[in-house]
Amino acid sequence: MKKRMKKATALTLASAMALSMAACGGNSDNQETASTTEDGTPVITFMAPSFYGTDLANENSDQVIEKYEDYTGISVDWQWENNDTYSEKLGLTLMDKSNMPMILTVSGDLTTNTNIVDAAQRGAFWDLSEFLKDSEAYPNLSQYNKDVAKALTVDGQLIGVYRARAIGRYGLSYRTDWAEAVGITEAPQTVEEVYDMLYKFTYNDPDGNGQDDTYGLELTKYTGPLDIIQTWFGVGNQWVEQDGQLVPVHQTEEYMEALNWMRKIYEDGLVRQDWATIDSGTFGEACNKGEAGAYIDVMDGGKRIWNYFTNNNIPSVVDSSKTATMTLSGAVNGKTLATSGFNGFYLITKDGAKTEEDVKNCLTFLDKMCDDEMLVLADYGLEGVTYDLNEEGKVVTRTDLEISEAPQVGLNQAVCYIPNLSATTPELEKNEATLAQDAAYEANESVAVMNPAAGYLANSETNAEVGTDIQQILDDARTQYICGQLDEAGLESAFQQWSDRGGAQVIEEVNEAYAADK
């Protein structure tokens, strides 16, 4: 381990010297060469967040490092930064051109990273669109979803490689035994059927205890479920295309239809009357405790409730010899909300990756980390140390090490998960709840509604300045309308306030970019 650490230190010093020479014009011909070790192995520098402070520094981590270096043919000089202060460090790094890593990890998206957009407009990052057309060099990354990648486009240039996540992650989950107890045998397919289920969960004593102590849908002040419900009515995902223009969804007729339905389930007592004040950190607990029967959010949230029932031996209300389960049904009316399709992204900087060869080395590493062998290494670690293979050849993870103690900890921060979100061979052994989650993801993907403006909002200067503030106007007004604190006139007043404070300008700027793209 000490030997490996010495090598890493030497690489860090070598990289720093190379960057320093470049900054001082050390190459009289002004021609840069790709970074390599003494034996000719390409070196890339990589800045990533550290969640545990033990990244690739635990017992057996040297084996992990050796495995990914041998497999990818790339040596990585890591720059780990504490996740709690990562965004601040990222901003400082962008100003320090002489010590710029080749790869920068960024959380969120471009609409929440205006400093990244500003830097991109000044030409700080490589345009990756032509590189990623090379399916021979990058068989994994070249399969990226073009609709998802639009959100990482600045002035027509693809500036990042996204870290994929399930597009069909959102939808409806509910207690299977409660549904059976009130006579519902099939997953609701329409909003009318959802209402019927919520009503029966509230008033038909689904837990069979003879008391009026249940309600249909769990909600907290986290308003993500409201966005999902809206798609059932054809509202769209934040924005929608109408007559060749992109329009924010609150300006559509379907939006009011959705709000009136949500107002009705509130008025009819199918949700807690104080839902808008409930701490979002408690979301899921009402289902765990048997107070609510339906849950609208990510499918993995429904899975976690199911696992809670299993781990705590919560009996089914219709057969006490069995544990309660959840049905992860997903879409309603053939629609559900799509995620952005990614969670964070990677930038390749021009001040760090000075040559096209450097860029190719960075992309080679990111691409090969998406192969099954590296996915297994990054997500599950070392066979015989952190996981075993069962008789079926599936991965069974061990639980004797904390995540912070695992030899591979931190390596998953270098995985794009394109085109697969997990290894296909060998695959992870999964329980019934996880299999149901994965099936819901797959079924939802084809009907998940994407945000058509995702690729243009980041290029709107007004949205960068006031987007978060004026979105809050809409979110607050929606909640107040559902709870009966605003009438339609009050809602329209909030819409006008949104427009006056920059919303109208955002629409104009988004559609200018949309028209140019078309």
Protein backbone atom coordinates (compact mmCIF):
# COMPACT_ATOMS: atom_id res chain seq x y z
CA MET A 1 0.00 0.00 0.00
CA LYS A 2 2.81 2.42 0.84
CA LYS A 3 4.44 1.71 -2.48
CA ARG A 4 1.23 2.55 -4.27
CA MET A 5 0.83 5.76 -2.30
CA LYS A 6 4.36 6.81 -3.23
CA LYS A 7 3.54 6.26 -6.85
CA ALA A 8 0.40 8.37 -6.52
CA THR A 9 2.40 11.16 -4.87
CA ALA A 10 4.99 11.02 -7.62
CA LEU A 11 2.26 11.28 -10.22
CA THR A 12 0.75 14.25 -8.45
CA LEU A 13 4.11 16.04 -8.39
CA ALA A 14 4.79 15.15 -12.00
CA SER A 15 1.40 16.45 -13.03
CA ALA A 16 1.89 19.65 -11.07
CA MET A 17 5.32 20.20 -12.66
CA ALA A 18 3.93 19.58 -16.11
CA LEU A 19 1.11 22.04 -15.54
CA SER A 20 3.54 24.59 -14.12
CA MET A 21 5.84 24.28 -17.13
CA ALA A 22 2.90 24.67 -19.45
CA ALA A 23 1.72 27.77 -17.62
CA CYS A 24 5.20 29.32 -17.85
CA GLY A 25 5.52 28.59 -21.55
CA GLY A 26 8.06 25.83 -20.93
CA ASN A 27 7.43 24.35 -24.36
CA SER A 28 9.11 26.78 -26.72
CA ASP A 29 7.30 25.31 -29.74
CA ASN A 30 3.98 25.90 -27.95
CA GLN A 31 3.06 22.27 -28.63
CA GLU A 32 1.63 20.25 -25.77
CA THR A 33 2.05 16.52 -25.34
CA ALA A 34 -0.23 14.12 -23.52
CA SER A 35 0.57 13.37 -19.87
CA THR A 36 2.16 9.96 -19.22
CA THR A 37 4.06 8.11 -16.50
CA GLU A 38 7.73 7.17 -16.93
CA ASP A 39 6.71 3.88 -18.50
CA GLY A 40 4.43 5.62 -21.01
CA THR A 41 1.08 4.94 -19.31
CA PRO A 42 -1.34 7.82 -19.95
CA VAL A 43 -2.16 9.89 -16.88
CA ILE A 44 -5.38 11.79 -16.30
CA THR A 45 -6.19 14.10 -13.40
CA PHE A 46 -9.65 13.73 -11.92
CA MET A 47 -11.46 15.91 -9.36
CA ALA A 48 -14.34 14.19 -7.57
CA PRO A 49 -16.35 14.55 -4.35
CA SER A 50 -15.41 12.50 -1.30
CA PHE A 51 -18.32 11.30 0.84
CA TYR A 52 -16.34 9.31 3.39
CA GLY A 53 -12.76 10.62 3.33
CA THR A 54 -11.36 7.13 2.69
CA ASP A 55 -11.58 7.06 -1.08
CA LEU A 56 -9.35 4.32 -2.54
CA ALA A 57 -7.28 4.42 0.66
CA ASN A 58 -8.60 1.42 2.59
CA GLU A 59 -7.21 -2.06 3.06
CA ASN A 60 -7.16 -3.81 -0.34
CA SER A 61 -7.67 -0.50 -2.18
CA ASP A 62 -4.30 -1.07 -3.84
CA GLN A 63 -5.81 -4.15 -5.51
CA VAL A 64 -8.71 -2.06 -6.78
CA ILE A 65 -6.34 0.58 -8.18
CA GLU A 66 -4.23 -2.08 -9.88
CA LYS A 67 -7.32 -3.67 -11.42
CA TYR A 68 -8.74 -0.50 -12.95
CA GLU A 69 -5.33 0.68 -14.15
CA ASP A 70 -4.60 -2.67 -15.81
CA TYR A 71 -8.07 -2.81 -17.36
CA THR A 72 -8.33 0.76 -18.62
CA GLY A 73 -4.66 1.31 -19.41
CA ILE A 74 -4.94 4.68 -17.66
CA SER A 75 -3.34 5.94 -14.46
CA VAL A 76 -5.51 8.38 -12.50
CA ASP A 77 -4.23 11.21 -10.33
CA TRP A 78 -7.22 11.74 -8.03
CA GLN A 79 -8.12 15.04 -6.42
CA TRP A 80 -10.69 14.20 -3.73
CA GLU A 81 -12.64 17.10 -2.24
CA ASN A 82 -15.03 16.92 0.71
CA ASN A 83 -18.58 16.72 -0.59
CA ASP A 84 -19.87 19.24 1.96
CA THR A 85 -17.67 21.97 0.49
CA TYR A 86 -17.35 20.59 -3.03
CA SER A 87 -19.34 23.27 -4.85
CA GLU A 88 -17.22 25.99 -3.23
CA LYS A 89 -14.02 24.16 -4.19
CA LEU A 90 -15.29 23.69 -7.73
CA GLY A 91 -15.78 27.44 -8.08
CA LEU A 92 -12.25 28.11 -6.85
CA THR A 93 -10.82 25.46 -9.16
CA LEU A 94 -12.43 27.06 -12.19
CA MET A 95 -10.41 30.21 -11.44
CA ASP A 96 -7.09 28.38 -10.98
CA LYS A 97 -6.15 27.61 -14.57
CA SER A 98 -2.59 26.60 -13.75
CA ASN A 99 -3.77 23.69 -11.56
CA MET A 100 -6.82 22.61 -13.49
CA PRO A 101 -7.71 18.88 -13.40
CA MET A 102 -8.49 17.26 -16.73
CA ILE A 103 -11.86 15.97 -15.49
CA LEU A 104 -14.16 17.91 -13.19
CA THR A 105 -17.13 16.22 -11.56
CA VAL A 106 -20.24 18.41 -11.25
CA SER A 107 -23.43 17.63 -9.34
CA GLY A 108 -26.91 18.67 -10.45
CA ASP A 109 -27.39 20.13 -13.91
CA LEU A 110 -26.49 23.29 -15.79
CA THR A 111 -29.51 25.25 -14.57
CA THR A 112 -28.10 25.02 -11.04
CA ASN A 113 -24.50 25.69 -12.09
CA THR A 114 -24.42 29.11 -13.70
CA ASN A 115 -20.67 29.39 -13.11
CA ILE A 116 -20.21 26.31 -15.32
CA VAL A 117 -22.32 27.88 -18.06
CA ASP A 118 -20.30 31.10 -17.87
CA ALA A 119 -17.04 29.16 -18.10
CA ALA A 120 -18.36 27.12 -21.03
CA GLN A 121 -19.32 30.26 -22.90
CA ARG A 122 -15.73 31.43 -22.48
CA GLY A 123 -14.48 28.18 -24.00
CA ALA A 124 -13.22 26.46 -20.84
CA PHE A 125 -14.36 22.96 -21.77
CA TRP A 126 -13.94 20.64 -24.72
CA ASP A 127 -16.87 20.12 -27.07
CA LEU A 128 -17.34 16.36 -26.88
CA SER A 129 -19.97 15.88 -29.57
CA GLU A 130 -17.54 14.83 -32.34
CA PHE A 131 -15.50 12.60 -30.01
CA LEU A 132 -18.56 10.67 -28.88
CA LYS A 133 -19.56 9.83 -32.43
CA ASP A 134 -16.66 7.37 -32.49
CA SER A 135 -18.37 4.13 -31.48
CA GLU A 136 -15.20 2.10 -32.01
CA ALA A 137 -13.15 4.18 -29.59
CA TYR A 138 -16.00 4.66 -27.11
CA PRO A 139 -18.47 1.76 -27.51
CA ASN A 140 -20.27 2.67 -24.27
CA LEU A 141 -20.28 6.46 -24.20
CA SER A 142 -21.30 6.66 -27.86
CA GLN A 143 -24.63 5.14 -26.83
CA TYR A 144 -25.56 8.19 -24.77
CA ASN A 145 -29.17 9.40 -24.93
CA LYS A 146 -29.27 12.46 -27.19
CA ASP A 147 -32.39 13.85 -25.49
CA VAL A 148 -30.74 13.62 -22.07
CA ALA A 149 -27.50 15.13 -23.32
CA LYS A 150 -29.31 18.23 -24.62
CA ALA A 151 -29.34 19.47 -21.04
CA LEU A 152 -25.52 19.63 -21.17
CA THR A 153 -25.39 21.76 -24.30
CA VAL A 154 -24.11 25.33 -24.18
CA ASP A 155 -24.10 27.43 -27.34
CA GLY A 156 -24.56 24.29 -29.39
CA GLN A 157 -21.62 22.46 -27.82
CA LEU A 158 -21.86 19.28 -25.77
CA ILE A 159 -19.68 20.18 -22.80
CA GLY A 160 -20.17 17.16 -20.56
CA VAL A 161 -20.69 13.43 -20.17
CA TYR A 162 -23.65 12.78 -17.91
CA ARG A 163 -23.90 10.22 -15.11
CA ALA A 164 -26.98 8.26 -16.11
CA ARG A 165 -29.87 7.33 -13.89
CA ALA A 166 -33.21 5.68 -14.64
CA ILE A 167 -35.50 7.86 -16.76
CA GLY A 168 -38.62 5.98 -15.64
CA ARG A 169 -37.92 6.30 -11.94
CA TYR A 170 -41.12 8.09 -10.87
CA GLY A 171 -44.61 6.76 -10.35
CA LEU A 172 -47.30 5.32 -8.10
CA SER A 173 -46.75 2.67 -5.43
CA TYR A 174 -49.32 1.34 -2.97
CA ARG A 175 -49.90 -1.35 -0.34
CA THR A 176 -50.90 -4.54 -2.09
CA ASP A 177 -52.70 -5.99 0.95
CA TRP A 178 -54.72 -2.80 1.56
CA ALA A 179 -55.87 -2.86 -2.06
CA GLU A 180 -56.91 -6.48 -1.75
CA ALA A 181 -58.70 -5.74 1.53
CA VAL A 182 -60.89 -3.07 -0.11
CA GLY A 183 -61.58 -5.13 -3.21
CA ILE A 184 -59.00 -3.70 -5.65
CA THR A 185 -57.28 -6.50 -7.54
CA GLU A 186 -55.57 -4.62 -10.38
CA ALA A 187 -53.34 -1.57 -10.45
CA PRO A 188 -55.26 1.64 -11.20
CA GLN A 189 -54.83 2.77 -14.78
CA THR A 190 -56.80 6.04 -14.75
CA VAL A 191 -57.04 9.03 -12.42
CA GLU A 192 -60.60 7.95 -11.59
CA GLU A 193 -59.32 4.57 -10.45
CA VAL A 194 -56.57 6.25 -8.41
CA TYR A 195 -59.17 8.44 -6.71
CA ASP A 196 -61.31 5.37 -5.97
CA MET A 197 -58.34 3.61 -4.38
CA LEU A 198 -57.39 6.63 -2.26
CA TYR A 199 -60.98 7.00 -1.12
CA LYS A 200 -61.23 3.37 -0.08
CA PHE A 201 -57.85 3.52 1.67
CA THR A 202 -59.22 6.45 3.68
CA TYR A 203 -62.78 5.38 4.47
CA ASN A 204 -63.08 1.60 3.99
CA ASP A 205 -60.89 0.53 6.93
CA PRO A 206 -58.14 -1.08 4.83
CA ASP A 207 -56.16 -2.23 7.88
CA GLY A 208 -59.24 -3.91 9.39
CA ASN A 209 -58.85 -2.46 12.88
CA GLY A 210 -62.31 -0.86 12.95
CA GLN A 211 -60.91 2.64 13.47
CA ASP A 212 -60.85 5.74 11.29
CA ASP A 213 -57.06 6.04 11.34
CA THR A 214 -55.90 5.76 7.72
CA TYR A 215 -55.73 8.00 4.70
CA GLY A 216 -55.09 7.33 1.05
CA LEU A 217 -51.97 9.20 -0.07
CA GLU A 218 -48.87 10.20 1.85
CA LEU A 219 -47.72 13.74 1.10
CA THR A 220 -45.22 16.10 2.71
CA LYS A 221 -44.11 19.61 1.80
CA TYR A 222 -41.81 17.98 -0.78
CA THR A 223 -43.81 18.71 -3.92
CA GLY A 224 -42.29 16.17 -6.29
CA PRO A 225 -45.44 13.98 -6.16
CA LEU A 226 -47.50 16.89 -7.48
CA ASP A 227 -45.27 17.11 -10.56
CA ILE A 228 -45.82 13.39 -11.17
CA ILE A 229 -49.60 13.62 -10.78
CA GLN A 230 -49.70 16.47 -13.30
CA THR A 231 -48.29 14.26 -16.05
CA TRP A 232 -51.28 11.93 -15.68
CA PHE A 233 -53.42 14.76 -17.02
CA GLY A 234 -51.15 15.47 -20.00
CA VAL A 235 -49.64 18.54 -18.36
CA GLY A 236 -46.05 17.76 -19.33
CA ASN A 237 -42.79 18.01 -17.43
CA GLN A 238 -42.22 21.66 -16.41
CA TRP A 239 -42.52 22.72 -20.05
CA VAL A 240 -44.54 21.43 -23.00
CA GLU A 241 -44.45 22.01 -26.76
CA GLN A 242 -47.57 23.65 -28.20
CA ASP A 243 -47.90 24.90 -31.77
CA GLY A 244 -44.14 24.89 -32.30
CA GLN A 245 -43.42 26.86 -29.10
CA LEU A 246 -42.19 25.76 -25.68
CA VAL A 247 -44.64 26.78 -22.98
CA PRO A 248 -44.34 26.48 -19.16
CA VAL A 249 -46.95 24.00 -17.99
CA HIS A 250 -48.82 26.40 -15.71
CA GLN A 251 -50.02 28.17 -18.86
CA THR A 252 -51.90 25.10 -20.12
CA GLU A 253 -55.52 24.04 -19.61
CA GLU A 254 -54.40 20.61 -18.42
CA TYR A 255 -52.55 22.22 -15.51
CA MET A 256 -55.77 23.53 -14.00
CA GLU A 257 -57.47 20.18 -14.49
CA ALA A 258 -54.66 18.49 -12.55
CA LEU A 259 -54.75 21.10 -9.77
CA ASN A 260 -58.50 20.76 -9.39
CA TRP A 261 -58.16 16.97 -9.02
CA MET A 262 -55.49 17.43 -6.35
CA ARG A 263 -57.65 20.03 -4.63
CA LYS A 264 -60.50 17.53 -4.58
CA ILE A 265 -58.48 14.76 -2.91
CA TYR A 266 -57.47 17.35 -0.31
CA GLU A 267 -61.04 18.55 0.25
CA ASP A 268 -62.28 14.95 0.48
CA GLY A 269 -59.72 14.15 3.18
CA LEU A 270 -57.73 11.60 1.18
CA VAL A 271 -54.45 13.21 2.31
CA ARG A 272 -53.41 14.71 5.63
CA GLN A 273 -54.83 18.19 5.95
CA ASP A 274 -51.48 19.50 7.20
CA TRP A 275 -49.38 17.80 4.49
CA ALA A 276 -47.86 21.08 3.32
CA THR A 277 -46.18 21.56 6.73
CA ILE A 278 -44.84 18.02 7.18
CA ASP A 279 -41.04 17.74 7.11
CA SER A 280 -40.00 16.24 3.78
CA GLY A 281 -37.35 14.22 5.62
CA THR A 282 -40.14 12.05 7.02
CA PHE A 283 -41.50 11.14 3.58
CA GLY A 284 -42.28 7.40 3.54
CA GLU A 285 -42.73 7.07 7.30
CA ALA A 286 -46.54 7.27 7.14
CA CYS A 287 -46.58 4.29 4.79
CA ASN A 288 -44.09 2.46 7.00
CA LYS A 289 -46.32 3.02 10.04
CA GLY A 290 -49.51 1.92 8.30
CA GLU A 291 -51.05 5.40 8.35
CA ALA A 292 -51.16 5.83 4.55
CA GLY A 293 -51.48 3.33 1.74
CA ALA A 294 -50.22 5.06 -1.41
CA TYR A 295 -46.88 6.68 -2.20
CA ILE A 296 -46.06 8.76 -5.28
CA ASP A 297 -42.39 9.41 -5.93
CA VAL A 298 -39.45 7.28 -7.08
CA MET A 299 -40.00 3.56 -7.52
CA ASP A 300 -37.05 2.88 -5.25
CA GLY A 301 -38.94 4.75 -2.53
CA GLY A 302 -41.77 2.24 -2.88
CA LYS A 303 -39.18 -0.51 -2.76
CA ARG A 304 -37.74 0.86 0.47
CA ILE A 305 -41.20 0.80 2.08
CA TRP A 306 -41.58 -2.81 0.95
CA ASN A 307 -38.17 -3.66 2.40
CA TYR A 308 -39.21 -1.97 5.66
CA PHE A 309 -42.24 -4.29 5.84
CA THR A 310 -39.98 -7.29 5.19
CA ASN A 311 -37.24 -6.30 7.62
CA ASN A 312 -39.71 -5.50 10.40
CA ASN A 313 -42.08 -8.42 9.80
CA ILE A 314 -45.10 -6.19 9.18
CA PRO A 315 -47.93 -8.68 8.53
CA SER A 316 -50.30 -8.49 5.60
CA VAL A 317 -53.77 -7.38 6.71
CA VAL A 318 -55.37 -10.14 4.64
CA ASP A 319 -52.99 -12.96 5.58
CA SER A 320 -51.04 -12.52 8.80
CA SER A 321 -48.77 -15.45 7.89
CA LYS A 322 -47.24 -13.27 5.17
CA THR A 323 -45.52 -9.90 5.28
CA ALA A 324 -47.04 -6.83 3.66
CA THR A 325 -45.81 -5.83 0.22
CA MET A 326 -46.04 -2.87 -2.16
CA THR A 327 -47.25 -2.82 -5.74
CA LEU A 328 -44.97 -0.59 -7.82
CA SER A 329 -47.37 0.25 -10.61
CA GLY A 330 -45.74 3.40 -12.01
CA ALA A 331 -47.67 5.20 -14.74
CA VAL A 332 -51.30 6.36 -14.71
CA ASN A 333 -53.19 7.23 -17.90
CA GLY A 334 -50.15 5.86 -19.70
CA LYS A 335 -47.87 8.64 -18.42
CA THR A 336 -45.42 9.44 -15.66
CA LEU A 337 -42.79 12.07 -14.99
CA ALA A 338 -39.34 11.45 -16.43
CA THR A 339 -36.20 12.23 -14.51
CA SER A 340 -33.58 14.35 -16.21
CA GLY A 341 -31.94 11.03 -17.11
CA PHE A 342 -28.79 11.93 -15.22
CA ASN A 343 -27.43 12.88 -11.83
CA GLY A 344 -24.36 15.02 -12.26
CA PHE A 345 -21.83 15.06 -15.09
CA TYR A 346 -18.18 15.25 -16.06
CA LEU A 347 -16.43 18.13 -17.79
CA ILE A 348 -13.13 17.82 -19.63
CA THR A 349 -11.27 21.09 -19.21
CA LYS A 350 -9.06 22.73 -21.82
CA ASP A 351 -6.62 24.01 -19.21
CA GLY A 352 -6.22 20.50 -17.81
CA ALA A 353 -6.55 18.31 -20.89
CA LYS A 354 -4.37 20.39 -23.15
CA THR A 355 -4.26 18.04 -26.13
CA GLU A 356 -6.76 15.95 -28.03
CA GLU A 357 -4.79 12.92 -26.85
CA ASP A 358 -5.50 13.95 -23.26
CA VAL A 359 -9.20 14.22 -24.09
CA LYS A 360 -9.17 10.78 -25.67
CA ASN A 361 -7.43 9.33 -22.62
CA CYS A 362 -10.09 10.84 -20.37
CA LEU A 363 -12.90 9.47 -22.52
CA THR A 364 -11.21 6.08 -22.77
CA PHE A 365 -11.09 5.83 -19.00
CA LEU A 366 -14.72 6.93 -18.60
CA ASP A 367 -15.81 4.54 -21.34
CA LYS A 368 -14.02 1.48 -19.99
CA MET A 369 -15.33 2.18 -16.50
CA CYS A 370 -18.76 1.42 -17.97
CA ASP A 371 -17.77 -2.14 -18.94
CA ASP A 372 -19.22 -4.90 -16.78
CA GLU A 373 -15.85 -5.71 -15.21
CA MET A 374 -15.40 -2.15 -13.98
CA LEU A 375 -19.05 -1.72 -12.96
CA VAL A 376 -18.67 -4.76 -10.72
CA LEU A 377 -15.41 -3.41 -9.32
CA ALA A 378 -16.80 0.07 -8.65
CA ASP A 379 -20.18 -0.97 -7.27
CA TYR A 380 -19.42 -4.26 -5.50
CA GLY A 381 -15.65 -4.30 -4.96
CA LEU A 382 -13.51 -7.43 -4.82
CA GLU A 383 -14.73 -11.01 -4.96
CA GLY A 384 -14.01 -12.77 -1.69
CA VAL A 385 -13.60 -9.45 0.11
CA THR A 386 -16.81 -7.47 -0.37
CA TYR A 387 -18.91 -9.87 -2.42
CA ASP A 388 -19.25 -13.52 -3.37
CA LEU A 389 -20.79 -15.33 -6.33
CA ASN A 390 -23.63 -17.71 -5.55
CA GLU A 391 -24.38 -20.98 -7.32
CA GLU A 392 -26.18 -19.10 -10.07
CA GLY A 393 -23.16 -16.89 -10.64
CA LYS A 394 -24.87 -13.79 -9.21
CA VAL A 395 -23.22 -11.23 -6.95
CA VAL A 396 -24.09 -11.50 -3.26
CA THR A 397 -22.70 -8.54 -1.35
CA ARG A 398 -21.17 -8.95 2.09
CA THR A 399 -22.29 -6.75 4.96
CA ASP A 400 -19.37 -7.04 7.35
CA LEU A 401 -17.72 -3.82 6.12
CA GLU A 402 -19.14 -0.32 6.35
CA ILE A 403 -19.28 1.48 3.01
CA SER A 404 -16.55 3.83 4.20
CA GLU A 405 -14.27 0.82 4.83
CA ALA A 406 -14.77 -0.86 1.44
CA PRO A 407 -11.69 -1.06 -0.79
CA GLN A 408 -13.55 0.32 -3.80
CA VAL A 409 -15.13 3.29 -2.02
CA GLY A 410 -15.00 6.38 -4.23
CA LEU A 411 -14.45 4.56 -7.51
CA ASN A 412 -18.14 4.76 -8.43
CA GLN A 413 -17.65 8.52 -8.65
CA ALA A 414 -15.89 7.81 -11.95
CA VAL A 415 -18.71 5.80 -13.54
CA CYS A 416 -21.10 7.26 -16.12
CA TYR A 417 -23.44 4.22 -16.18
CA ILE A 418 -23.84 4.47 -19.95
CA PRO A 419 -25.49 2.44 -21.44
CA ASN A 420 -26.19 0.22 -18.40
CA LEU A 421 -27.07 1.34 -14.89
CA SER A 422 -25.50 -1.81 -13.44
CA ALA A 423 -23.42 -4.76 -14.54
CA THR A 424 -25.24 -7.34 -16.65
CA THR A 425 -22.66 -10.11 -16.14
CA PRO A 426 -22.43 -11.02 -13.35
CA GLU A 427 -25.58 -9.35 -12.14
CA LEU A 428 -26.53 -8.63 -8.56
CA GLU A 429 -28.74 -11.09 -6.72
CA LYS A 430 -31.97 -9.17 -6.11
CA ASN A 431 -34.89 -9.61 -3.77
CA GLU A 432 -38.51 -9.46 -4.89
CA ALA A 433 -38.84 -5.76 -4.14
CA THR A 434 -35.79 -4.83 -6.22
CA LEU A 435 -36.97 -6.97 -9.13
CA ALA A 436 -40.32 -5.16 -8.99
CA GLN A 437 -38.52 -1.80 -8.94
CA ASP A 438 -36.45 -2.69 -12.00
CA ALA A 439 -39.53 -3.91 -13.86
CA ALA A 440 -41.27 -0.61 -13.09
CA TYR A 441 -38.25 1.36 -14.32
CA GLU A 442 -38.33 -0.53 -17.60
CA ALA A 443 -42.10 -0.19 -18.07
CA ASN A 444 -42.03 3.51 -17.22
CA GLU A 445 -39.19 4.49 -19.53
CA SER A 446 -41.26 4.37 -22.72
CA VAL A 447 -44.05 6.52 -21.23
CA ALA A 448 -41.98 8.90 -19.08
CA VAL A 449 -42.53 12.53 -20.09
CA MET A 450 -39.30 14.45 -20.64
CA ASN A 451 -38.82 18.19 -20.21
CA PRO A 452 -38.51 19.56 -23.77
CA ALA A 453 -36.89 22.77 -22.50
CA ALA A 454 -34.12 21.04 -20.56
CA GLY A 455 -31.55 21.78 -23.25
CA TYR A 456 -32.41 25.48 -23.46
CA LEU A 457 -32.98 26.69 -19.91
CA ALA A 458 -29.26 26.64 -19.15
CA ASN A 459 -28.68 29.07 -22.02
CA SER A 460 -31.23 31.57 -20.68
CA GLU A 461 -29.49 34.38 -18.83
CA THR A 462 -32.72 35.42 -17.15
CA ASN A 463 -33.39 31.91 -15.91
CA ALA A 464 -29.88 31.81 -14.47
CA GLU A 465 -30.58 35.03 -12.59
CA VAL A 466 -34.14 34.55 -11.33
CA GLY A 467 -35.25 31.03 -12.32
CA THR A 468 -35.14 29.54 -8.83
CA ASP A 469 -36.93 32.50 -7.25
CA ILE A 470 -39.78 32.68 -9.71
CA GLN A 471 -40.25 28.90 -9.67
CA GLN A 472 -40.90 29.24 -5.96
CA ILE A 473 -43.76 31.60 -6.77
CA LEU A 474 -45.42 28.85 -8.82
CA ASP A 475 -44.74 26.11 -6.27
CA ASP A 476 -46.17 28.15 -3.39
CA ALA A 477 -49.25 29.17 -5.37
CA ARG A 478 -49.93 25.59 -6.43
CA THR A 479 -49.78 24.35 -2.83
CA GLN A 480 -51.99 27.19 -1.60
CA TYR A 481 -54.56 26.51 -4.32
CA ILE A 482 -54.69 22.78 -3.55
CA CYS A 483 -55.20 23.57 0.15
CA GLY A 484 -57.97 26.11 -0.60
CA GLN A 485 -55.94 29.13 0.50
CA LEU A 486 -56.05 30.66 -3.00
CA ASP A 487 -58.89 30.82 -5.51
CA GLU A 488 -58.43 30.90 -9.27
CA ALA A 489 -58.05 34.66 -9.25
CA GLY A 490 -55.26 34.38 -6.69
CA LEU A 491 -53.60 31.70 -8.76
CA GLU A 492 -53.75 33.88 -11.87
CA SER A 493 -52.23 36.72 -9.87
CA ALA A 494 -49.29 34.48 -8.95
CA PHE A 495 -48.89 33.50 -12.60
CA GLN A 496 -48.73 37.18 -13.55
CA GLN A 497 -46.18 37.81 -10.81
CA TRP A 498 -44.04 35.00 -12.23
CA SER A 499 -44.24 36.56 -15.67
CA ASP A 500 -43.49 40.10 -14.49
CA ARG A 501 -40.45 39.05 -12.48
CA GLY A 502 -38.72 37.42 -15.42
CA GLY A 503 -40.87 34.53 -16.55
CA ALA A 504 -41.93 36.21 -19.80
CA GLN A 505 -38.28 36.87 -20.63
CA VAL A 506 -37.37 33.26 -19.84
CA ILE A 507 -40.03 32.07 -22.29
CA GLU A 508 -38.63 34.37 -24.97
CA GLU A 509 -35.02 33.27 -24.42
CA VAL A 510 -35.89 29.56 -24.26
CA ASN A 511 -37.82 29.77 -27.51
CA GLU A 512 -35.05 31.70 -29.24
CA ALA A 513 -32.67 28.85 -28.42
CA TYR A 514 -35.32 26.28 -29.38
CA ALA A 515 -35.90 27.91 -32.76
CA ALA A 516 -32.17 28.10 -33.45
CA ASP A 517 -31.81 24.41 -32.58
CA LYS A 518 -34.66 23.40 -34.86
